């Protein structure tokens, strides 16, 4: 009986050892497959996010380019409009009316100004929610000290030699 019990215990140990070995082997294989699939899934998600971000960046770039082109076009229109009018006698009424109408239609510019080379405002159109207003000549200012205006240096013509 003792031998039968010892044989049974040895058989149980062997079965337990084999079962444990098979469990560890199957678990390792399963874990390897699961980790591999998770890494692959993460890489696919990462690639998808990168593609979406690139598309978003391209869309934002297109929008920004479009907005810049619109502003450049507006500045060129304003410049051409100023050049097309006869300004020899400092009569800016026609230009003021056209710029006022332009500001009313665009509704995006707070101010439109014409500043001469000495920094003096010659025309200023202010825009508000109630519409654009031509600023009277008594309210026009000199902007030569502002960050956006630099008075060109006086030249003698000899600087280039």
N, C-alpha and C. Protein backbone atom coordinates (compact mmCIF):
# COMPACT_ATOMS: atom_id res chain seq x y z
N UNK A 1 0.80 -1.17 0.00
CA UNK A 1 0.00 0.00 0.00
C UNK A 1 0.86 1.26 0.00
N UNK A 2 1.93 1.18 0.75
CA UNK A 2 2.82 2.31 0.80
C UNK A 2 3.41 2.58 -0.57
N UNK A 3 3.70 1.54 -1.29
CA UNK A 3 4.28 1.72 -2.61
C UNK A 3 3.28 2.30 -3.58
N UNK A 4 2.06 1.89 -3.40
CA UNK A 4 1.02 2.42 -4.28
C UNK A 4 0.82 3.90 -3.99
N UNK A 5 0.87 4.27 -2.74
CA UNK A 5 0.71 5.66 -2.34
C UNK A 5 1.88 6.48 -2.86
N UNK A 6 3.11 5.94 -2.72
CA UNK A 6 4.28 6.66 -3.22
C UNK A 6 4.20 6.80 -4.73
N UNK A 7 3.74 5.75 -5.41
CA UNK A 7 3.60 5.80 -6.87
C UNK A 7 2.55 6.82 -7.29
N UNK A 8 1.46 6.87 -6.54
CA UNK A 8 0.40 7.85 -6.83
C UNK A 8 0.91 9.28 -6.61
N UNK A 9 1.67 9.47 -5.54
CA UNK A 9 2.19 10.80 -5.24
C UNK A 9 3.16 11.21 -6.33
N UNK A 10 4.03 10.26 -6.77
CA UNK A 10 4.97 10.57 -7.85
C UNK A 10 4.22 10.90 -9.13
N UNK A 11 3.16 10.15 -9.42
CA UNK A 11 2.36 10.39 -10.62
C UNK A 11 1.67 11.75 -10.53
N UNK A 12 1.14 12.07 -9.38
CA UNK A 12 0.48 13.37 -9.18
C UNK A 12 1.48 14.51 -9.36
N UNK A 13 2.70 14.32 -8.79
CA UNK A 13 3.73 15.35 -8.93
C UNK A 13 4.11 15.52 -10.40
N UNK A 14 4.25 14.38 -11.09
CA UNK A 14 4.63 14.44 -12.49
C UNK A 14 3.51 15.10 -13.31
N UNK A 15 2.28 14.75 -13.07
CA UNK A 15 1.14 15.34 -13.78
C UNK A 15 1.05 16.84 -13.47
N UNK A 16 1.25 17.20 -12.20
CA UNK A 16 1.23 18.60 -11.80
C UNK A 16 2.37 19.36 -12.47
N UNK A 17 3.55 18.77 -12.52
CA UNK A 17 4.71 19.40 -13.14
C UNK A 17 4.47 19.58 -14.65
N UNK A 18 3.96 18.54 -15.29
CA UNK A 18 3.65 18.64 -16.74
C UNK A 18 2.55 19.68 -16.98
N UNK A 19 1.53 19.67 -16.15
CA UNK A 19 0.43 20.63 -16.30
C UNK A 19 0.94 22.06 -16.12
N UNK A 20 1.77 22.24 -15.10
CA UNK A 20 2.34 23.55 -14.83
C UNK A 20 3.23 23.99 -15.99
N UNK A 21 4.04 23.08 -16.52
CA UNK A 21 4.92 23.39 -17.66
C UNK A 21 4.09 23.77 -18.88
N UNK A 22 3.04 23.00 -19.16
CA UNK A 22 2.17 23.29 -20.30
C UNK A 22 1.46 24.62 -20.09
N UNK A 23 0.99 24.90 -18.86
CA UNK A 23 0.31 26.16 -18.56
C UNK A 23 1.25 27.35 -18.78
N UNK A 24 2.50 27.23 -18.28
CA UNK A 24 3.47 28.30 -18.45
C UNK A 24 3.79 28.49 -19.93
N UNK A 25 3.97 27.41 -20.66
CA UNK A 25 4.27 27.49 -22.09
C UNK A 25 3.11 28.14 -22.85
N UNK A 26 1.89 27.68 -22.62
CA UNK A 26 0.70 28.25 -23.30
C UNK A 26 0.51 29.70 -22.89
N UNK A 27 0.69 30.02 -21.62
CA UNK A 27 0.56 31.40 -21.15
C UNK A 27 1.60 32.30 -21.81
N UNK A 28 2.82 31.80 -21.90
CA UNK A 28 3.89 32.57 -22.56
C UNK A 28 3.58 32.83 -24.02
N UNK A 29 3.08 31.80 -24.71
CA UNK A 29 2.70 31.97 -26.12
C UNK A 29 1.55 32.98 -26.24
N UNK A 30 0.54 32.83 -25.39
CA UNK A 30 -0.61 33.74 -25.40
C UNK A 30 -0.15 35.17 -25.09
N UNK A 31 0.69 35.32 -24.08
CA UNK A 31 1.19 36.64 -23.70
C UNK A 31 2.00 37.25 -24.84
N UNK A 32 2.83 36.47 -25.48
CA UNK A 32 3.62 36.97 -26.61
C UNK A 32 2.72 37.45 -27.74
N UNK A 33 1.69 36.65 -28.05
CA UNK A 33 0.76 37.03 -29.11
C UNK A 33 0.01 38.31 -28.72
N UNK A 34 -0.46 38.38 -27.47
CA UNK A 34 -1.21 39.55 -27.00
C UNK A 34 -0.34 40.81 -27.03
N UNK A 35 0.90 40.70 -26.58
CA UNK A 35 1.81 41.85 -26.60
C UNK A 35 2.10 42.27 -28.04
N UNK A 36 2.33 41.31 -28.91
CA UNK A 36 2.57 41.60 -30.33
C UNK A 36 1.39 42.32 -30.96
N UNK A 37 0.18 41.81 -30.70
CA UNK A 37 -1.02 42.46 -31.23
C UNK A 37 -1.20 43.87 -30.68
N UNK A 38 -0.92 44.03 -29.38
CA UNK A 38 -1.06 45.36 -28.77
C UNK A 38 -0.06 46.34 -29.35
N UNK A 39 1.17 45.90 -29.55
CA UNK A 39 2.20 46.77 -30.15
C UNK A 39 1.78 47.15 -31.57
N UNK A 40 1.29 46.17 -32.33
CA UNK A 40 0.83 46.43 -33.69
C UNK A 40 -0.34 47.42 -33.70
N UNK A 41 -1.29 47.22 -32.79
CA UNK A 41 -2.45 48.11 -32.69
C UNK A 41 -2.00 49.53 -32.32
N UNK A 42 -1.09 49.63 -31.36
CA UNK A 42 -0.58 50.95 -30.97
C UNK A 42 0.12 51.65 -32.13
N UNK A 43 0.91 50.90 -32.90
CA UNK A 43 1.61 51.48 -34.04
C UNK A 43 0.61 51.96 -35.10
N UNK A 44 -0.44 51.16 -35.34
CA UNK A 44 -1.46 51.57 -36.30
C UNK A 44 -2.18 52.84 -35.84
N UNK A 45 -2.51 52.90 -34.54
CA UNK A 45 -3.16 54.09 -34.00
C UNK A 45 -2.24 55.31 -34.09
N UNK A 46 -0.97 55.11 -33.79
CA UNK A 46 0.01 56.18 -33.88
C UNK A 46 0.10 56.70 -35.31
N UNK A 47 0.19 55.78 -36.28
CA UNK A 47 0.25 56.17 -37.69
C UNK A 47 -1.00 56.92 -38.12
N UNK A 48 -2.16 56.47 -37.63
CA UNK A 48 -3.42 57.14 -37.96
C UNK A 48 -3.46 58.54 -37.37
N UNK A 49 -3.00 58.69 -36.14
CA UNK A 49 -2.97 60.01 -35.50
C UNK A 49 -2.02 60.93 -36.26
N UNK A 50 -0.86 60.41 -36.66
CA UNK A 50 0.10 61.22 -37.41
C UNK A 50 -0.51 61.67 -38.73
N UNK A 51 -1.19 60.78 -39.45
CA UNK A 51 -1.82 61.14 -40.71
C UNK A 51 -2.90 62.19 -40.50
N UNK A 52 -3.71 62.02 -39.45
CA UNK A 52 -4.75 63.01 -39.16
C UNK A 52 -4.15 64.37 -38.82
N UNK A 53 -3.08 64.38 -38.06
CA UNK A 53 -2.42 65.64 -37.71
C UNK A 53 -1.81 66.30 -38.94
N UNK A 54 -1.25 65.49 -39.83
CA UNK A 54 -0.69 66.05 -41.07
C UNK A 54 -1.80 66.65 -41.92
N UNK A 55 -2.94 65.96 -42.01
CA UNK A 55 -4.08 66.52 -42.76
C UNK A 55 -4.56 67.81 -42.12
N UNK A 56 -4.66 67.82 -40.80
CA UNK A 56 -5.09 69.02 -40.09
C UNK A 56 -4.11 70.17 -40.31
N UNK A 57 -2.83 69.86 -40.25
CA UNK A 57 -1.81 70.87 -40.49
C UNK A 57 -1.91 71.43 -41.91
N UNK A 58 -2.14 70.57 -42.89
CA UNK A 58 -2.30 71.03 -44.27
C UNK A 58 -3.53 71.91 -44.43
N UNK A 59 -4.63 71.54 -43.77
CA UNK A 59 -5.85 72.35 -43.83
C UNK A 59 -5.60 73.71 -43.19
N UNK A 60 -4.96 73.72 -42.03
CA UNK A 60 -4.65 74.99 -41.35
C UNK A 60 -3.72 75.85 -42.20
N UNK A 61 -2.76 75.22 -42.84
CA UNK A 61 -1.84 75.95 -43.71
C UNK A 61 -2.59 76.57 -44.89
N UNK A 62 -3.51 75.81 -45.47
CA UNK A 62 -4.32 76.33 -46.58
C UNK A 62 -5.19 77.50 -46.13
N UNK A 63 -5.79 77.37 -44.95
CA UNK A 63 -6.64 78.44 -44.43
C UNK A 63 -5.80 79.69 -44.17
N UNK A 64 -4.65 79.52 -43.55
CA UNK A 64 -3.77 80.65 -43.26
C UNK A 64 -3.30 81.32 -44.55
N UNK A 65 -2.91 80.51 -45.53
CA UNK A 65 -2.48 81.06 -46.82
C UNK A 65 -3.62 81.84 -47.47
N UNK A 66 -4.82 81.30 -47.41
CA UNK A 66 -5.98 81.97 -47.99
C UNK A 66 -6.23 83.31 -47.30
N UNK A 67 -6.16 83.32 -45.98
CA UNK A 67 -6.39 84.57 -45.24
C UNK A 67 -5.32 85.61 -45.54
N UNK A 68 -4.07 85.16 -45.62
CA UNK A 68 -2.99 86.09 -45.94
C UNK A 68 -3.18 86.64 -47.36
N UNK A 69 -3.55 85.78 -48.29
CA UNK A 69 -3.79 86.23 -49.67
C UNK A 69 -4.91 87.26 -49.72
N UNK A 70 -5.96 87.06 -48.92
CA UNK A 70 -7.06 88.03 -48.88
C UNK A 70 -6.59 89.37 -48.36
N UNK A 71 -5.80 89.36 -47.29
CA UNK A 71 -5.31 90.61 -46.72
C UNK A 71 -4.37 91.32 -47.70
N UNK A 72 -3.48 90.55 -48.32
CA UNK A 72 -2.57 91.14 -49.31
C UNK A 72 -3.37 91.74 -50.46
N UNK A 73 -4.39 91.03 -50.90
CA UNK A 73 -5.25 91.53 -51.97
C UNK A 73 -5.93 92.83 -51.55
N UNK A 74 -6.41 92.89 -50.31
CA UNK A 74 -7.05 94.11 -49.80
C UNK A 74 -6.07 95.27 -49.75
N UNK A 75 -4.86 95.00 -49.28
CA UNK A 75 -3.85 96.06 -49.20
C UNK A 75 -3.51 96.57 -50.60
N UNK A 76 -3.38 95.66 -51.54
CA UNK A 76 -3.10 96.07 -52.92
C UNK A 76 -4.26 96.88 -53.50
N UNK A 77 -5.49 96.49 -53.19
CA UNK A 77 -6.66 97.26 -53.65
C UNK A 77 -6.61 98.67 -53.08
N UNK A 78 -6.36 98.78 -51.79
CA UNK A 78 -6.32 100.09 -51.15
C UNK A 78 -5.21 100.95 -51.75
N UNK A 79 -4.06 100.33 -51.97
CA UNK A 79 -2.94 101.05 -52.58
C UNK A 79 -3.28 101.50 -54.00
N UNK A 80 -3.83 100.60 -54.79
CA UNK A 80 -4.22 100.95 -56.16
C UNK A 80 -5.28 102.04 -56.17
N UNK A 81 -6.21 101.95 -55.25
CA UNK A 81 -7.27 102.94 -55.16
C UNK A 81 -6.69 104.31 -54.83
N UNK A 82 -5.72 104.34 -53.93
CA UNK A 82 -5.08 105.61 -53.57
C UNK A 82 -4.31 106.17 -54.77
N UNK A 83 -3.60 105.31 -55.47
CA UNK A 83 -2.81 105.75 -56.63
C UNK A 83 -3.70 106.23 -57.77
N UNK A 84 -4.88 105.64 -57.90
CA UNK A 84 -5.76 105.99 -59.02
C UNK A 84 -6.40 107.36 -58.86
N UNK A 85 -6.44 107.87 -57.65
CA UNK A 85 -7.05 109.17 -57.40
C UNK A 85 -6.00 110.27 -57.47
N UNK A 86 -6.40 111.42 -57.95
CA UNK A 86 -5.50 112.57 -58.05
C UNK A 86 -5.39 113.22 -56.68
N UNK A 87 -4.22 113.09 -56.05
CA UNK A 87 -4.05 113.58 -54.68
C UNK A 87 -3.14 114.80 -54.63
N UNK A 88 -2.97 115.48 -55.74
CA UNK A 88 -2.05 116.63 -55.78
C UNK A 88 -2.48 117.75 -54.84
N UNK A 89 -3.74 117.95 -54.68
CA UNK A 89 -4.22 119.07 -53.86
C UNK A 89 -4.68 118.63 -52.47
N UNK A 90 -4.24 117.47 -52.03
CA UNK A 90 -4.62 116.92 -50.71
C UNK A 90 -6.14 116.82 -50.52
N UNK A 91 -6.85 116.60 -51.61
CA UNK A 91 -8.29 116.38 -51.51
C UNK A 91 -8.52 114.87 -51.48
N UNK A 92 -8.81 114.36 -50.30
CA UNK A 92 -8.93 112.93 -50.10
C UNK A 92 -10.39 112.47 -49.99
N UNK A 93 -11.34 113.36 -50.28
CA UNK A 93 -12.76 113.02 -50.07
C UNK A 93 -13.17 111.77 -50.85
N UNK A 94 -12.77 111.66 -52.12
CA UNK A 94 -13.14 110.51 -52.93
C UNK A 94 -12.54 109.22 -52.34
N UNK A 95 -11.27 109.28 -51.97
CA UNK A 95 -10.60 108.11 -51.39
C UNK A 95 -11.24 107.76 -50.05
N UNK A 96 -11.52 108.76 -49.23
CA UNK A 96 -12.16 108.50 -47.93
C UNK A 96 -13.49 107.78 -48.11
N UNK A 97 -14.30 108.24 -49.06
CA UNK A 97 -15.61 107.61 -49.28
C UNK A 97 -15.44 106.17 -49.79
N UNK A 98 -14.49 105.94 -50.67
CA UNK A 98 -14.28 104.59 -51.18
C UNK A 98 -13.75 103.67 -50.08
N UNK A 99 -12.83 104.17 -49.27
CA UNK A 99 -12.28 103.34 -48.18
C UNK A 99 -13.34 103.09 -47.10
N UNK A 100 -14.19 104.08 -46.86
CA UNK A 100 -15.27 103.90 -45.89
C UNK A 100 -16.21 102.79 -46.37
N UNK A 101 -16.57 102.84 -47.63
CA UNK A 101 -17.42 101.80 -48.21
C UNK A 101 -16.73 100.44 -48.15
N UNK A 102 -15.44 100.42 -48.45
CA UNK A 102 -14.66 99.18 -48.39
C UNK A 102 -14.68 98.61 -46.96
N UNK A 103 -14.43 99.45 -45.96
CA UNK A 103 -14.43 99.01 -44.56
C UNK A 103 -15.81 98.49 -44.14
N UNK A 104 -16.88 99.17 -44.62
CA UNK A 104 -18.24 98.71 -44.30
C UNK A 104 -18.53 97.34 -44.90
N UNK A 105 -18.01 97.07 -46.07
CA UNK A 105 -18.25 95.78 -46.73
C UNK A 105 -17.40 94.67 -46.12
N UNK A 106 -16.15 94.97 -45.82
CA UNK A 106 -15.23 93.94 -45.30
C UNK A 106 -15.52 93.59 -43.85
N UNK A 107 -15.73 94.58 -43.02
CA UNK A 107 -16.06 94.41 -41.60
C UNK A 107 -14.99 93.66 -40.81
N UNK A 108 -13.73 93.73 -41.24
CA UNK A 108 -12.69 93.03 -40.51
C UNK A 108 -11.53 93.94 -40.10
N UNK A 109 -11.49 95.15 -40.63
CA UNK A 109 -10.38 96.06 -40.33
C UNK A 109 -10.86 97.12 -39.35
N UNK A 110 -10.15 97.23 -38.21
CA UNK A 110 -10.51 98.26 -37.23
C UNK A 110 -10.20 99.65 -37.75
N UNK A 111 -9.07 99.77 -38.45
CA UNK A 111 -8.67 101.06 -39.01
C UNK A 111 -8.00 100.85 -40.35
N UNK A 112 -8.22 101.82 -41.22
CA UNK A 112 -7.48 101.89 -42.48
C UNK A 112 -6.88 103.29 -42.51
N UNK A 113 -5.57 103.36 -42.72
CA UNK A 113 -4.88 104.66 -42.66
C UNK A 113 -4.01 104.88 -43.89
N UNK A 114 -3.89 106.15 -44.22
CA UNK A 114 -2.87 106.59 -45.17
C UNK A 114 -1.96 107.52 -44.39
N UNK A 115 -0.69 107.11 -44.27
CA UNK A 115 0.29 107.90 -43.51
C UNK A 115 1.37 108.33 -44.49
N UNK A 116 1.66 109.64 -44.50
CA UNK A 116 2.68 110.13 -45.44
C UNK A 116 4.09 109.81 -44.92
N UNK A 117 5.11 110.19 -45.67
CA UNK A 117 6.48 109.82 -45.32
C UNK A 117 6.99 110.49 -44.05
N UNK A 118 6.34 111.56 -43.60
CA UNK A 118 6.72 112.19 -42.33
C UNK A 118 5.99 111.59 -41.14
N UNK A 119 5.10 110.65 -41.39
CA UNK A 119 4.37 110.00 -40.31
C UNK A 119 3.02 110.63 -40.03
N UNK A 120 2.59 111.59 -40.84
CA UNK A 120 1.31 112.26 -40.63
C UNK A 120 0.18 111.44 -41.26
N UNK A 121 -0.85 111.21 -40.45
CA UNK A 121 -2.04 110.57 -41.01
C UNK A 121 -2.70 111.56 -41.96
N UNK A 122 -3.01 111.10 -43.15
CA UNK A 122 -3.74 111.92 -44.11
C UNK A 122 -5.18 111.45 -44.22
N UNK A 123 -5.37 110.15 -44.03
CA UNK A 123 -6.71 109.55 -44.04
C UNK A 123 -6.74 108.50 -42.94
N UNK A 124 -7.85 108.45 -42.21
CA UNK A 124 -8.05 107.35 -41.26
C UNK A 124 -9.53 107.00 -41.25
N UNK A 125 -9.79 105.74 -41.44
CA UNK A 125 -11.16 105.22 -41.36
C UNK A 125 -11.20 104.31 -40.14
N UNK A 126 -12.07 104.64 -39.19
CA UNK A 126 -12.27 103.80 -38.00
C UNK A 126 -13.52 102.97 -38.22
N UNK A 127 -13.44 101.70 -37.82
CA UNK A 127 -14.60 100.83 -37.96
C UNK A 127 -15.09 100.39 -36.59
N UNK A 128 -16.39 100.38 -36.41
CA UNK A 128 -17.00 99.88 -35.19
C UNK A 128 -18.23 99.07 -35.60
N UNK A 129 -18.92 98.51 -34.64
CA UNK A 129 -20.10 97.70 -34.94
C UNK A 129 -21.19 98.51 -35.62
N UNK A 130 -21.21 99.81 -35.37
CA UNK A 130 -22.24 100.66 -35.99
C UNK A 130 -21.85 101.09 -37.39
N UNK A 131 -20.65 100.75 -37.83
CA UNK A 131 -20.22 101.09 -39.18
C UNK A 131 -18.93 101.89 -39.17
N UNK A 132 -18.44 102.16 -40.35
CA UNK A 132 -17.17 102.88 -40.44
C UNK A 132 -17.40 104.38 -40.42
N UNK A 133 -16.35 105.09 -39.97
CA UNK A 133 -16.41 106.55 -39.83
C UNK A 133 -15.12 107.13 -40.37
N UNK A 134 -15.26 108.19 -41.18
CA UNK A 134 -14.09 108.92 -41.64
C UNK A 134 -13.68 109.88 -40.53
N UNK A 135 -12.44 109.79 -40.09
CA UNK A 135 -11.95 110.66 -39.01
C UNK A 135 -11.63 112.02 -39.61
N UNK A 136 -12.10 113.05 -38.94
CA UNK A 136 -11.88 114.41 -39.41
C UNK A 136 -10.40 114.80 -39.35
N UNK A 137 -10.01 115.75 -40.19
CA UNK A 137 -8.60 116.16 -40.29
C UNK A 137 -8.06 116.70 -38.97
N UNK A 138 -8.92 117.27 -38.14
CA UNK A 138 -8.46 117.81 -36.83
C UNK A 138 -8.10 116.70 -35.85
N UNK A 139 -8.56 115.48 -36.09
CA UNK A 139 -8.27 114.35 -35.19
C UNK A 139 -7.14 113.46 -35.71
N UNK A 140 -6.64 113.74 -36.90
CA UNK A 140 -5.55 112.93 -37.45
C UNK A 140 -4.28 113.20 -36.66
N UNK A 141 -3.42 112.19 -36.55
CA UNK A 141 -2.25 112.27 -35.69
C UNK A 141 -0.97 112.01 -36.47
N UNK A 142 0.14 112.34 -35.82
CA UNK A 142 1.45 111.99 -36.38
C UNK A 142 1.87 110.68 -35.73
N UNK A 143 2.29 109.72 -36.54
CA UNK A 143 2.62 108.38 -36.06
C UNK A 143 4.10 108.05 -36.23
N UNK A 144 4.94 109.07 -36.36
CA UNK A 144 6.35 108.81 -36.64
C UNK A 144 7.06 108.07 -35.51
N UNK A 145 6.54 108.14 -34.29
CA UNK A 145 7.17 107.46 -33.16
C UNK A 145 6.57 106.09 -32.86
N UNK A 146 5.63 105.67 -33.67
CA UNK A 146 5.00 104.37 -33.44
C UNK A 146 5.89 103.24 -33.95
N UNK A 147 5.72 102.05 -33.36
CA UNK A 147 6.56 100.90 -33.71
C UNK A 147 6.39 100.48 -35.16
N UNK A 148 5.22 100.74 -35.73
CA UNK A 148 4.95 100.28 -37.09
C UNK A 148 5.36 101.30 -38.16
N UNK A 149 5.89 102.43 -37.72
CA UNK A 149 6.30 103.45 -38.69
C UNK A 149 7.73 103.84 -38.43
N UNK A 150 8.52 103.81 -39.46
CA UNK A 150 9.91 104.25 -39.38
C UNK A 150 10.11 105.34 -40.43
N UNK A 151 10.59 106.49 -40.00
CA UNK A 151 10.87 107.56 -40.93
C UNK A 151 12.12 107.18 -41.71
N UNK A 152 12.05 107.20 -43.03
CA UNK A 152 13.24 106.84 -43.80
C UNK A 152 14.35 107.86 -43.57
N UNK A 153 15.60 107.41 -43.51
CA UNK A 153 16.70 108.36 -43.30
C UNK A 153 16.86 109.26 -44.52
N UNK A 154 17.27 110.49 -44.26
CA UNK A 154 17.52 111.42 -45.37
C UNK A 154 18.82 111.02 -46.03
N UNK A 155 18.79 110.97 -47.33
CA UNK A 155 19.96 110.55 -48.08
C UNK A 155 20.45 111.70 -48.94
N UNK A 156 21.73 111.68 -49.21
CA UNK A 156 22.33 112.70 -50.09
C UNK A 156 22.55 112.14 -51.48
N UNK A 157 22.35 110.85 -51.64
CA UNK A 157 22.59 110.22 -52.92
C UNK A 157 24.01 109.69 -53.03
N UNK A 158 24.86 110.05 -52.07
CA UNK A 158 26.26 109.62 -52.11
C UNK A 158 26.49 108.32 -51.33
N UNK A 159 25.46 107.82 -50.66
CA UNK A 159 25.61 106.62 -49.84
C UNK A 159 25.92 105.38 -50.66
N UNK A 160 25.60 105.41 -51.92
CA UNK A 160 25.75 104.23 -52.75
C UNK A 160 27.12 104.12 -53.39
N UNK A 161 27.97 105.12 -53.19
CA UNK A 161 29.30 105.12 -53.82
C UNK A 161 30.39 104.87 -52.83
